[in-house]
Amino acid sequence: MKHSPFPLMSLFLLSLTFTLPIHAITYEWEDSTRVTNMLQDARQHAEGKNTILYFAHQFLGIPYVGHTLEVNAEEELVVNLRQLDCTTFVETTTALALTFQHGGLGWDDYLYWLQTIRYNNGKLDGYCSRNHYFSQWITSNSRLGLVEEQTGEASGNHYPFTATQQLQLNFMSTHPEYYAMLKDHPERIKTMASLEKEMFGTEVRYIPASFLNESEKTLKYVKDGDILALVTNKSGLDVSHVGFAEWGKDGKLHLLNASSIHKKVVLEPMTLYQYMKKHPSVLGVRVVRIRL
């Protein structure tokens, strides 16, 4: 189903310092009714709970499906709560949490927050305006004041964020054949390469995988519901997977994610440390806190 542009009606949005028109939307009726029902249910059941984990847990068991945003010839705001990949799981949950936190009334407000976090500076302006790399996602949403990346700066020595990565993004522009909306549009490839270069050499901090077996007290900068971005050593990329932090009953850190391995949204039964040992290309995690 495609929906034409429409104005947002929630009064609280008038107080925001930036404006955001909603463009054409691709969704199913089931998506809009589920968003509305989830927000209404949260008013009754989320009180006193971790808001991020509350909404994230509503998707446990939802099938993992990749490339759910690549369904149109031109970029539209795609909403699909029936099938999720790791990034759309994080975005869907984050948009619901922001809608709830800001007193949003339903579907229109949810669309506002989803578009805000998905696109550079919250503005949908074609395929290349989407935050394709998670480093772009972090930068854009930090600039908007919606998230804050944890770096351990207050510890004096950045512990446990002792490792650094120099961003050298180029995977999308050098592998356009993997992206349907790039391979037939050379002009988009050039734009993407330019966006990649904007972040070239940026240094980011992360917790090395070897530290992730520590206790919650030691890894005090990682809280339930923080976004965990798994840093990769694969050429041209920054992050290979994302999910949410959840401290388990075993006292260890676990990953709540849309998993291509389990083929669904799942709280990993193994600890994050054990998970990392099975994925040697993952170097550690960046930690991003949603500001609620």
C-alpha atoms as a PDB file:
ATOM      1  CA  MET A   1       0.000   0.000   0.000  1.00  0.00           C
ATOM      2  CA  LYS A   2       1.279   3.466  -0.836  1.00  0.00           C
ATOM      3  CA  HIS A   3       0.173   6.534   1.038  1.00  0.00           C
ATOM      4  CA  SER A   4       0.329  10.093  -0.241  1.00  0.00           C
ATOM      5  CA  PRO A   5       2.121  12.845   1.689  1.00  0.00           C
ATOM      6  CA  PHE A   6       0.144  14.328   4.592  1.00  0.00           C
ATOM      7  CA  PRO A   7       0.725  16.810   7.423  1.00  0.00           C
ATOM      8  CA  LEU A   8       1.536  15.637  10.922  1.00  0.00           C
ATOM      9  CA  MET A   9      -1.079  16.722  13.411  1.00  0.00           C
ATOM     10  CA  SER A  10       0.525  16.161  16.809  1.00  0.00           C
ATOM     11  CA  LEU A  11       0.932  19.482  18.583  1.00  0.00           C
ATOM     12  CA  PHE A  12       4.171  18.517  20.298  1.00  0.00           C
ATOM     13  CA  LEU A  13       5.962  18.458  16.958  1.00  0.00           C
ATOM     14  CA  LEU A  14       5.456  22.205  16.625  1.00  0.00           C
ATOM     15  CA  SER A  15       8.042  22.738  19.333  1.00  0.00           C
ATOM     16  CA  LEU A  16      10.814  21.000  17.411  1.00  0.00           C
ATOM     17  CA  THR A  17      13.532  23.156  15.907  1.00  0.00           C
ATOM     18  CA  PHE A  18      13.535  21.343  12.572  1.00  0.00           C
ATOM     19  CA  THR A  19      10.679  20.515  10.242  1.00  0.00           C
ATOM     20  CA  LEU A  20      10.176  17.307   8.329  1.00  0.00           C
ATOM     21  CA  PRO A  21       7.741  16.685   5.477  1.00  0.00           C
ATOM     22  CA  ILE A  22       6.613  13.092   5.099  1.00  0.00           C
ATOM     23  CA  HIS A  23       6.992  11.791   1.551  1.00  0.00           C
ATOM     24  CA  ALA A  24       5.297   8.830  -0.070  1.00  0.00           C
ATOM     25  CA  ILE A  25       5.137   5.759   2.128  1.00  0.00           C
ATOM     26  CA  THR A  26       5.136   2.031   1.379  1.00  0.00           C
ATOM     27  CA  TYR A  27       3.394  -0.108   4.004  1.00  0.00           C
ATOM     28  CA  GLU A  28       0.665  -2.629   4.685  1.00  0.00           C
ATOM     29  CA  TRP A  29      -2.445  -1.923   6.734  1.00  0.00           C
ATOM     30  CA  GLU A  30      -1.193  -4.441   9.297  1.00  0.00           C
ATOM     31  CA  ASP A  31       1.834  -2.236   9.933  1.00  0.00           C
ATOM     32  CA  SER A  32      -0.193   0.865  10.769  1.00  0.00           C
ATOM     33  CA  THR A  33      -2.622  -0.961  13.049  1.00  0.00           C
ATOM     34  CA  ARG A  34       0.195  -2.715  14.873  1.00  0.00           C
ATOM     35  CA  VAL A  35       2.038   0.537  15.498  1.00  0.00           C
ATOM     36  CA  THR A  36      -1.103   2.137  16.917  1.00  0.00           C
ATOM     37  CA  ASN A  37      -1.899  -0.889  19.078  1.00  0.00           C
ATOM     38  CA  MET A  38       1.662  -1.145  20.386  1.00  0.00           C
ATOM     39  CA  LEU A  39       1.712   2.506  21.407  1.00  0.00           C
ATOM     40  CA  GLN A  40      -1.663   2.194  23.126  1.00  0.00           C
ATOM     41  CA  ASP A  41      -0.601  -0.974  24.947  1.00  0.00           C
ATOM     42  CA  ALA A  42       2.613   0.689  26.069  1.00  0.00           C
ATOM     43  CA  ARG A  43       0.620   3.336  27.930  1.00  0.00           C
ATOM     44  CA  GLN A  44      -0.717   0.548  30.127  1.00  0.00           C
ATOM     45  CA  HIS A  45       2.194  -1.895  30.305  1.00  0.00           C
ATOM     46  CA  ALA A  46       5.504  -0.042  29.792  1.00  0.00           C
ATOM     47  CA  GLU A  47       5.381   2.027  32.967  1.00  0.00           C
ATOM     48  CA  GLY A  48       8.523   1.454  35.029  1.00  0.00           C
ATOM     49  CA  LYS A  49      10.126  -0.729  32.335  1.00  0.00           C
ATOM     50  CA  ASN A  50      13.088  -0.089  30.069  1.00  0.00           C
ATOM     51  CA  THR A  51      11.339   1.580  27.131  1.00  0.00           C
ATOM     52  CA  ILE A  52      13.737   0.309  24.463  1.00  0.00           C
ATOM     53  CA  LEU A  53      13.672  -3.291  25.634  1.00  0.00           C
ATOM     54  CA  TYR A  54       9.907  -3.157  26.123  1.00  0.00           C
ATOM     55  CA  PHE A  55       9.340  -2.357  22.443  1.00  0.00           C
ATOM     56  CA  ALA A  56      12.189  -4.566  21.215  1.00  0.00           C
ATOM     57  CA  HIS A  57      10.685  -7.573  22.979  1.00  0.00           C
ATOM     58  CA  GLN A  58       7.407  -7.068  21.105  1.00  0.00           C
ATOM     59  CA  PHE A  59       9.220  -8.277  17.978  1.00  0.00           C
ATOM     60  CA  LEU A  60      10.689 -11.498  19.353  1.00  0.00           C
ATOM     61  CA  GLY A  61      10.028 -14.235  16.798  1.00  0.00           C
ATOM     62  CA  ILE A  62       9.392 -11.876  13.867  1.00  0.00           C
ATOM     63  CA  PRO A  63      11.072 -13.359  10.764  1.00  0.00           C
ATOM     64  CA  TYR A  64      14.449 -12.085   9.619  1.00  0.00           C
ATOM     65  CA  VAL A  65      14.286 -10.898   5.997  1.00  0.00           C
ATOM     66  CA  GLY A  66      16.972  -8.834   4.313  1.00  0.00           C
ATOM     67  CA  HIS A  67      16.604  -5.893   1.918  1.00  0.00           C
ATOM     68  CA  THR A  68      13.044  -5.014   2.959  1.00  0.00           C
ATOM     69  CA  LEU A  69      13.694  -1.343   2.158  1.00  0.00           C
ATOM     70  CA  GLU A  70      14.689  -2.088  -1.448  1.00  0.00           C
ATOM     71  CA  VAL A  71      11.183  -2.450  -2.888  1.00  0.00           C
ATOM     72  CA  ASN A  72      10.700   0.720  -4.946  1.00  0.00           C
ATOM     73  CA  ALA A  73      12.341   2.226  -8.012  1.00  0.00           C
ATOM     74  CA  GLU A  74      12.618   5.519  -6.129  1.00  0.00           C
ATOM     75  CA  GLU A  75      13.237   5.996  -2.421  1.00  0.00           C
ATOM     76  CA  GLU A  76      10.142   6.007  -0.206  1.00  0.00           C
ATOM     77  CA  LEU A  77       9.635   5.654   3.523  1.00  0.00           C
ATOM     78  CA  VAL A  78       9.182   1.889   3.812  1.00  0.00           C
ATOM     79  CA  VAL A  79       7.449   0.540   6.925  1.00  0.00           C
ATOM     80  CA  ASN A  80       7.515  -3.215   7.469  1.00  0.00           C
ATOM     81  CA  LEU A  81       6.991  -4.622  10.950  1.00  0.00           C
ATOM     82  CA  ARG A  82       6.248  -8.102   9.551  1.00  0.00           C
ATOM     83  CA  GLN A  83       9.819  -8.765   8.381  1.00  0.00           C
ATOM     84  CA  LEU A  84      12.950  -7.248   9.884  1.00  0.00           C
ATOM     85  CA  ASP A  85      16.683  -7.183   9.324  1.00  0.00           C
ATOM     86  CA  CYS A  86      19.150  -6.044  11.956  1.00  0.00           C
ATOM     87  CA  THR A  87      18.983  -2.368  11.001  1.00  0.00           C
ATOM     88  CA  THR A  88      15.225  -2.109  10.494  1.00  0.00           C
ATOM     89  CA  PHE A  89      14.721  -3.884  13.834  1.00  0.00           C
ATOM     90  CA  VAL A  90      16.812  -1.221  15.559  1.00  0.00           C
ATOM     91  CA  GLU A  91      15.112   1.598  13.639  1.00  0.00           C
ATOM     92  CA  THR A  92      11.594   0.294  14.233  1.00  0.00           C
ATOM     93  CA  THR A  93      12.195  -0.113  17.948  1.00  0.00           C
ATOM     94  CA  THR A  94      13.908   3.275  18.250  1.00  0.00           C
ATOM     95  CA  ALA A  95      11.124   5.076  16.381  1.00  0.00           C
ATOM     96  CA  LEU A  96       8.485   3.482  18.628  1.00  0.00           C
ATOM     97  CA  ALA A  97      10.419   4.431  21.763  1.00  0.00           C
ATOM     98  CA  LEU A  98      10.849   8.041  20.602  1.00  0.00           C
ATOM     99  CA  THR A  99       7.188   8.291  19.634  1.00  0.00           C
ATOM    100  CA  PHE A 100       6.155   6.972  23.039  1.00  0.00           C
ATOM    101  CA  GLN A 101       8.592   9.153  24.956  1.00  0.00           C
ATOM    102  CA  HIS A 102       7.496  12.329  23.154  1.00  0.00           C
ATOM    103  CA  GLY A 103       3.813  11.648  23.748  1.00  0.00           C
ATOM    104  CA  GLY A 104       3.040  10.579  20.196  1.00  0.00           C
ATOM    105  CA  LEU A 105      -0.543   9.574  19.557  1.00  0.00           C
ATOM    106  CA  GLY A 106      -0.096   6.982  16.834  1.00  0.00           C
ATOM    107  CA  TRP A 107       0.809   6.272  13.226  1.00  0.00           C
ATOM    108  CA  ASP A 108       1.546   9.791  11.990  1.00  0.00           C
ATOM    109  CA  ASP A 109       3.919  10.465  14.871  1.00  0.00           C
ATOM    110  CA  TYR A 110       5.661   7.127  14.386  1.00  0.00           C
ATOM    111  CA  LEU A 111       6.269   7.945  10.703  1.00  0.00           C
ATOM    112  CA  TYR A 112       7.812  11.238  11.726  1.00  0.00           C
ATOM    113  CA  TRP A 113      10.347   9.609  14.027  1.00  0.00           C
ATOM    114  CA  LEU A 114      11.104   6.743  11.665  1.00  0.00           C
ATOM    115  CA  GLN A 115      11.941   9.148   8.832  1.00  0.00           C
ATOM    116  CA  THR A 116      13.919  11.355  11.204  1.00  0.00           C
ATOM    117  CA  ILE A 117      16.275   8.604  12.309  1.00  0.00           C
ATOM    118  CA  ARG A 118      16.568   6.794   8.962  1.00  0.00           C
ATOM    119  CA  TYR A 119      17.677   9.726   6.816  1.00  0.00           C
ATOM    120  CA  ASN A 120      20.539  12.192   6.998  1.00  0.00           C
ATOM    121  CA  ASN A 121      19.438  15.138   9.135  1.00  0.00           C
ATOM    122  CA  GLY A 122      15.963  13.621   9.088  1.00  0.00           C
ATOM    123  CA  LYS A 123      15.310  14.562   5.459  1.00  0.00           C
ATOM    124  CA  LEU A 124      14.262  12.045   2.821  1.00  0.00           C
ATOM    125  CA  ASP A 125      15.783  13.244  -0.428  1.00  0.00           C
ATOM    126  CA  GLY A 126      16.364  10.185  -2.561  1.00  0.00           C
ATOM    127  CA  TYR A 127      18.228   6.927  -2.056  1.00  0.00           C
ATOM    128  CA  CYS A 128      21.533   8.494  -1.054  1.00  0.00           C
ATOM    129  CA  SER A 129      19.926  10.494   1.747  1.00  0.00           C
ATOM    130  CA  ARG A 130      19.350   7.285   3.704  1.00  0.00           C
ATOM    131  CA  ASN A 131      21.899   6.580   6.446  1.00  0.00           C
ATOM    132  CA  HIS A 132      23.227   3.435   4.763  1.00  0.00           C
ATOM    133  CA  TYR A 133      26.354   3.076   6.889  1.00  0.00           C
ATOM    134  CA  PHE A 134      25.715   2.880  10.603  1.00  0.00           C
ATOM    135  CA  SER A 135      28.402   5.475  11.215  1.00  0.00           C
ATOM    136  CA  GLN A 136      26.271   7.852   9.145  1.00  0.00           C
ATOM    137  CA  TRP A 137      23.260   6.845  11.230  1.00  0.00           C
ATOM    138  CA  ILE A 138      25.098   7.615  14.469  1.00  0.00           C
ATOM    139  CA  THR A 139      26.439  10.936  13.180  1.00  0.00           C
ATOM    140  CA  SER A 140      23.088  12.157  11.884  1.00  0.00           C
ATOM    141  CA  ASN A 141      21.127  11.201  14.975  1.00  0.00           C
ATOM    142  CA  SER A 142      23.800  12.553  17.303  1.00  0.00           C
ATOM    143  CA  ARG A 143      23.587  15.863  15.451  1.00  0.00           C
ATOM    144  CA  LEU A 144      19.800  15.853  15.975  1.00  0.00           C
ATOM    145  CA  GLY A 145      20.287  15.165  19.680  1.00  0.00           C
ATOM    146  CA  LEU A 146      18.516  11.807  19.550  1.00  0.00           C
ATOM    147  CA  VAL A 147      21.423   9.517  20.440  1.00  0.00           C
ATOM    148  CA  GLU A 148      24.733   9.763  22.246  1.00  0.00           C
ATOM    149  CA  GLU A 149      27.644   7.495  21.483  1.00  0.00           C
ATOM    150  CA  GLN A 150      29.449   6.212  24.556  1.00  0.00           C
ATOM    151  CA  THR A 151      33.249   6.553  24.513  1.00  0.00           C
ATOM    152  CA  GLY A 152      34.268   6.181  28.149  1.00  0.00           C
ATOM    153  CA  GLU A 153      35.691   9.692  28.086  1.00  0.00           C
ATOM    154  CA  ALA A 154      34.744  10.282  31.718  1.00  0.00           C
ATOM    155  CA  SER A 155      36.956   7.381  32.830  1.00  0.00           C
ATOM    156  CA  GLY A 156      40.060   9.357  31.913  1.00  0.00           C
ATOM    157  CA  ASN A 157      41.531   6.624  29.736  1.00  0.00           C
ATOM    158  CA  HIS A 158      38.352   5.806  27.795  1.00  0.00           C
ATOM    159  CA  TYR A 159      38.102   2.372  29.432  1.00  0.00           C
ATOM    160  CA  PRO A 160      36.563   0.055  28.266  1.00  0.00           C
ATOM    161  CA  PHE A 161      36.541   1.805  24.871  1.00  0.00           C
ATOM    162  CA  THR A 162      40.244   1.252  24.423  1.00  0.00           C
ATOM    163  CA  ALA A 163      40.228   0.316  20.722  1.00  0.00           C
ATOM    164  CA  THR A 164      39.850   2.717  17.797  1.00  0.00           C
ATOM    165  CA  GLN A 165      38.793   2.385  14.180  1.00  0.00           C
ATOM    166  CA  GLN A 166      39.683   4.779  11.375  1.00  0.00           C
ATOM    167  CA  LEU A 167      36.710   4.920   9.027  1.00  0.00           C
ATOM    168  CA  GLN A 168      37.488   4.148   5.397  1.00  0.00           C
ATOM    169  CA  LEU A 169      34.047   3.668   3.912  1.00  0.00           C
ATOM    170  CA  ASN A 170      33.824   2.674   0.257  1.00  0.00           C
ATOM    171  CA  PHE A 171      32.023  -0.670   0.060  1.00  0.00           C
ATOM    172  CA  MET A 172      28.801   0.613  -1.510  1.00  0.00           C
ATOM    173  CA  SER A 173      30.447   2.750  -4.181  1.00  0.00           C
ATOM    174  CA  THR A 174      32.911   0.004  -5.097  1.00  0.00           C
ATOM    175  CA  HIS A 175      30.307  -2.801  -5.052  1.00  0.00           C
ATOM    176  CA  PRO A 176      27.201  -1.226  -6.619  1.00  0.00           C
ATOM    177  CA  GLU A 177      26.191  -4.600  -8.049  1.00  0.00           C
ATOM    178  CA  TYR A 178      24.961  -5.583  -4.580  1.00  0.00           C
ATOM    179  CA  TYR A 179      22.525  -2.653  -4.415  1.00  0.00           C
ATOM    180  CA  ALA A 180      19.587  -2.591  -6.808  1.00  0.00           C
ATOM    181  CA  MET A 181      19.132   1.177  -6.520  1.00  0.00           C
ATOM    182  CA  LEU A 182      22.802   1.850  -7.278  1.00  0.00           C
ATOM    183  CA  LYS A 183      23.775  -0.513 -10.055  1.00  0.00           C
ATOM    184  CA  ASP A 184      21.468   1.061 -12.658  1.00  0.00           C
ATOM    185  CA  HIS A 185      22.168   4.643 -11.575  1.00  0.00           C
ATOM    186  CA  PRO A 186      25.819   5.714 -12.018  1.00  0.00           C
ATOM    187  CA  GLU A 187      24.982   9.201 -10.759  1.00  0.00           C
ATOM    188  CA  ARG A 188      24.000   7.702  -7.395  1.00  0.00           C
ATOM    189  CA  ILE A 189      27.297   5.848  -7.200  1.00  0.00           C
ATOM    190  CA  LYS A 190      29.161   9.134  -7.500  1.00  0.00           C
ATOM    191  CA  THR A 191      26.991  10.710  -4.817  1.00  0.00           C
ATOM    192  CA  MET A 192      27.536   7.742  -2.531  1.00  0.00           C
ATOM    193  CA  ALA A 193      31.298   7.914  -3.024  1.00  0.00           C
ATOM    194  CA  SER A 194      31.218  11.580  -2.074  1.00  0.00           C
ATOM    195  CA  LEU A 195      29.261  10.823   1.110  1.00  0.00           C
ATOM    196  CA  GLU A 196      31.701   8.058   1.995  1.00  0.00           C
ATOM    197  CA  LYS A 197      34.629  10.440   1.623  1.00  0.00           C
ATOM    198  CA  GLU A 198      33.033  12.872   4.075  1.00  0.00           C
ATOM    199  CA  MET A 199      33.685  10.383   6.864  1.00  0.00           C
ATOM    200  CA  PHE A 200      37.115   9.244   5.687  1.00  0.00           C
ATOM    201  CA  GLY A 201      39.625   9.103   8.508  1.00  0.00           C
ATOM    202  CA  THR A 202      37.099   9.707  11.289  1.00  0.00           C
ATOM    203  CA  GLU A 203      38.265   7.921  14.430  1.00  0.00           C
ATOM    204  CA  VAL A 204      35.690   6.068  16.500  1.00  0.00           C
ATOM    205  CA  ARG A 205      36.089   4.179  19.770  1.00  0.00           C
ATOM    206  CA  TYR A 206      34.825   0.731  20.599  1.00  0.00           C
ATOM    207  CA  ILE A 207      35.038  -1.953  23.265  1.00  0.00           C
ATOM    208  CA  PRO A 208      37.304  -4.754  22.018  1.00  0.00           C
ATOM    209  CA  ALA A 209      35.749  -8.216  21.882  1.00  0.00           C
ATOM    210  CA  SER A 210      38.152  -9.526  24.538  1.00  0.00           C
ATOM    211  CA  PHE A 211      36.560  -7.230  27.156  1.00  0.00           C
ATOM    212  CA  LEU A 212      32.984  -8.369  26.580  1.00  0.00           C
ATOM    213  CA  ASN A 213      33.116 -11.224  29.080  1.00  0.00           C
ATOM    214  CA  GLU A 214      33.335  -8.725  31.923  1.00  0.00           C
ATOM    215  CA  SER A 215      30.573  -7.997  34.439  1.00  0.00           C
ATOM    216  CA  GLU A 216      27.980  -5.230  34.272  1.00  0.00           C
ATOM    217  CA  LYS A 217      29.903  -3.389  36.976  1.00  0.00           C
ATOM    218  CA  THR A 218      33.080  -3.405  34.898  1.00  0.00           C
ATOM    219  CA  LEU A 219      31.277  -2.583  31.634  1.00  0.00           C
ATOM    220  CA  LYS A 220      29.278   0.133  33.353  1.00  0.00           C
ATOM    221  CA  TYR A 221      29.004   2.231  30.200  1.00  0.00           C
ATOM    222  CA  VAL A 222      26.813  -0.414  28.585  1.00  0.00           C
ATOM    223  CA  LYS A 223      23.185  -0.227  29.711  1.00  0.00           C
ATOM    224  CA  ASP A 224      20.134  -2.324  28.874  1.00  0.00           C
ATOM    225  CA  GLY A 225      18.642  -1.049  25.615  1.00  0.00           C
ATOM    226  CA  ASP A 226      21.821   0.559  24.272  1.00  0.00           C
ATOM    227  CA  ILE A 227      22.427  -0.006  20.573  1.00  0.00           C
ATOM    228  CA  LEU A 228      25.417  -2.265  19.985  1.00  0.00           C
ATOM    229  CA  ALA A 229      27.109  -1.738  16.620  1.00  0.00           C
ATOM    230  CA  LEU A 230      29.487  -4.601  15.820  1.00  0.00           C
ATOM    231  CA  VAL A 231      32.707  -3.221  14.365  1.00  0.00           C
ATOM    232  CA  THR A 232      34.083  -5.229  11.447  1.00  0.00           C
ATOM    233  CA  ASN A 233      37.478  -5.574   9.803  1.00  0.00           C
ATOM    234  CA  LYS A 234      35.917  -6.125   6.384  1.00  0.00           C
ATOM    235  CA  SER A 235      37.342  -3.700   3.850  1.00  0.00           C
ATOM    236  CA  GLY A 236      35.237  -0.642   3.120  1.00  0.00           C
ATOM    237  CA  LEU A 237      32.790  -1.234   5.971  1.00  0.00           C
ATOM    238  CA  ASP A 238      32.448   0.073   9.501  1.00  0.00           C
ATOM    239  CA  VAL A 239      29.784  -2.100  11.109  1.00  0.00           C
ATOM    240  CA  SER A 240      28.551  -5.551  10.095  1.00  0.00           C
ATOM    241  CA  HIS A 241      25.612  -5.997  12.484  1.00  0.00           C
ATOM    242  CA  VAL A 242      23.523  -4.101  15.032  1.00  0.00           C
ATOM    243  CA  GLY A 243      21.248  -4.985  17.921  1.00  0.00           C
ATOM    244  CA  PHE A 244      20.437  -4.048  21.500  1.00  0.00           C
ATOM    245  CA  ALA A 245      22.304  -4.714  24.716  1.00  0.00           C
ATOM    246  CA  GLU A 246      20.568  -6.839  27.324  1.00  0.00           C
ATOM    247  CA  TRP A 247      22.199  -7.987  30.539  1.00  0.00           C
ATOM    248  CA  GLY A 248      21.229 -11.593  31.194  1.00  0.00           C
ATOM    249  CA  LYS A 249      20.394 -13.427  34.376  1.00  0.00           C
ATOM    250  CA  ASP A 250      23.853 -14.958  34.068  1.00  0.00           C
ATOM    251  CA  GLY A 251      25.338 -11.504  34.684  1.00  0.00           C
ATOM    252  CA  LYS A 252      26.739 -11.365  31.163  1.00  0.00           C
ATOM    253  CA  LEU A 253      26.016  -9.148  28.177  1.00  0.00           C
ATOM    254  CA  HIS A 254      23.745 -10.584  25.477  1.00  0.00           C
ATOM    255  CA  LEU A 255      22.656  -9.338  22.049  1.00  0.00           C
ATOM    256  CA  LEU A 256      18.976  -8.801  21.237  1.00  0.00           C
ATOM    257  CA  ASN A 257      18.872  -8.763  17.452  1.00  0.00           C
ATOM    258  CA  ALA A 258      17.224  -9.667  14.178  1.00  0.00           C
ATOM    259  CA  SER A 259      19.414 -12.642  13.405  1.00  0.00           C
ATOM    260  CA  SER A 260      20.184 -14.054   9.967  1.00  0.00           C
ATOM    261  CA  ILE A 261      21.421 -17.178  11.773  1.00  0.00           C
ATOM    262  CA  HIS A 262      18.251 -17.834  13.778  1.00  0.00           C
ATOM    263  CA  LYS A 263      16.101 -16.383  10.953  1.00  0.00           C
ATOM    264  CA  LYS A 264      14.128 -14.267  13.431  1.00  0.00           C
ATOM    265  CA  VAL A 265      14.357 -11.647  16.146  1.00  0.00           C
ATOM    266  CA  VAL A 266      15.924 -13.317  19.157  1.00  0.00           C
ATOM    267  CA  LEU A 267      17.767 -12.667  22.387  1.00  0.00           C
ATOM    268  CA  GLU A 268      20.972 -14.587  21.744  1.00  0.00           C
ATOM    269  CA  PRO A 269      21.201 -17.506  24.205  1.00  0.00           C
ATOM    270  CA  MET A 270      24.994 -17.320  24.115  1.00  0.00           C
ATOM    271  CA  THR A 271      26.729 -14.338  25.652  1.00  0.00           C
ATOM    272  CA  LEU A 272      27.966 -11.542  23.431  1.00  0.00           C
ATOM    273  CA  TYR A 273      31.520 -12.628  24.226  1.00  0.00           C
ATOM    274  CA  GLN A 274      30.770 -16.163  22.989  1.00  0.00           C
ATOM    275  CA  TYR A 275      29.031 -14.713  19.934  1.00  0.00           C
ATOM    276  CA  MET A 276      32.123 -12.678  19.110  1.00  0.00           C
ATOM    277  CA  LYS A 277      34.366 -15.719  19.299  1.00  0.00           C
ATOM    278  CA  LYS A 278      32.245 -17.343  16.594  1.00  0.00           C
ATOM    279  CA  HIS A 279      32.602 -14.270  14.354  1.00  0.00           C
ATOM    280  CA  PRO A 280      36.324 -13.467  14.083  1.00  0.00           C
ATOM    281  CA  SER A 281      35.750 -10.615  11.605  1.00  0.00           C
ATOM    282  CA  VAL A 282      33.987  -8.670  14.388  1.00  0.00           C
ATOM    283  CA  LEU A 283      36.476  -6.657  16.421  1.00  0.00           C
ATOM    284  CA  GLY A 284      34.244  -5.284  19.157  1.00  0.00           C
ATOM    285  CA  VAL A 285      31.236  -3.038  19.740  1.00  0.00           C
ATOM    286  CA  ARG A 286      30.396   0.631  19.556  1.00  0.00           C
ATOM    287  CA  VAL A 287      27.763   1.639  22.086  1.00  0.00           C
ATOM    288  CA  VAL A 288      25.033   4.142  21.232  1.00  0.00           C
ATOM    289  CA  ARG A 289      22.455   5.340  23.762  1.00  0.00           C
ATOM    290  CA  ILE A 290      19.071   6.575  22.637  1.00  0.00           C
ATOM    291  CA  ARG A 291      18.218   9.775  24.459  1.00  0.00           C
ATOM    292  CA  LEU A 292      14.769   9.348  25.974  1.00  0.00           C
END
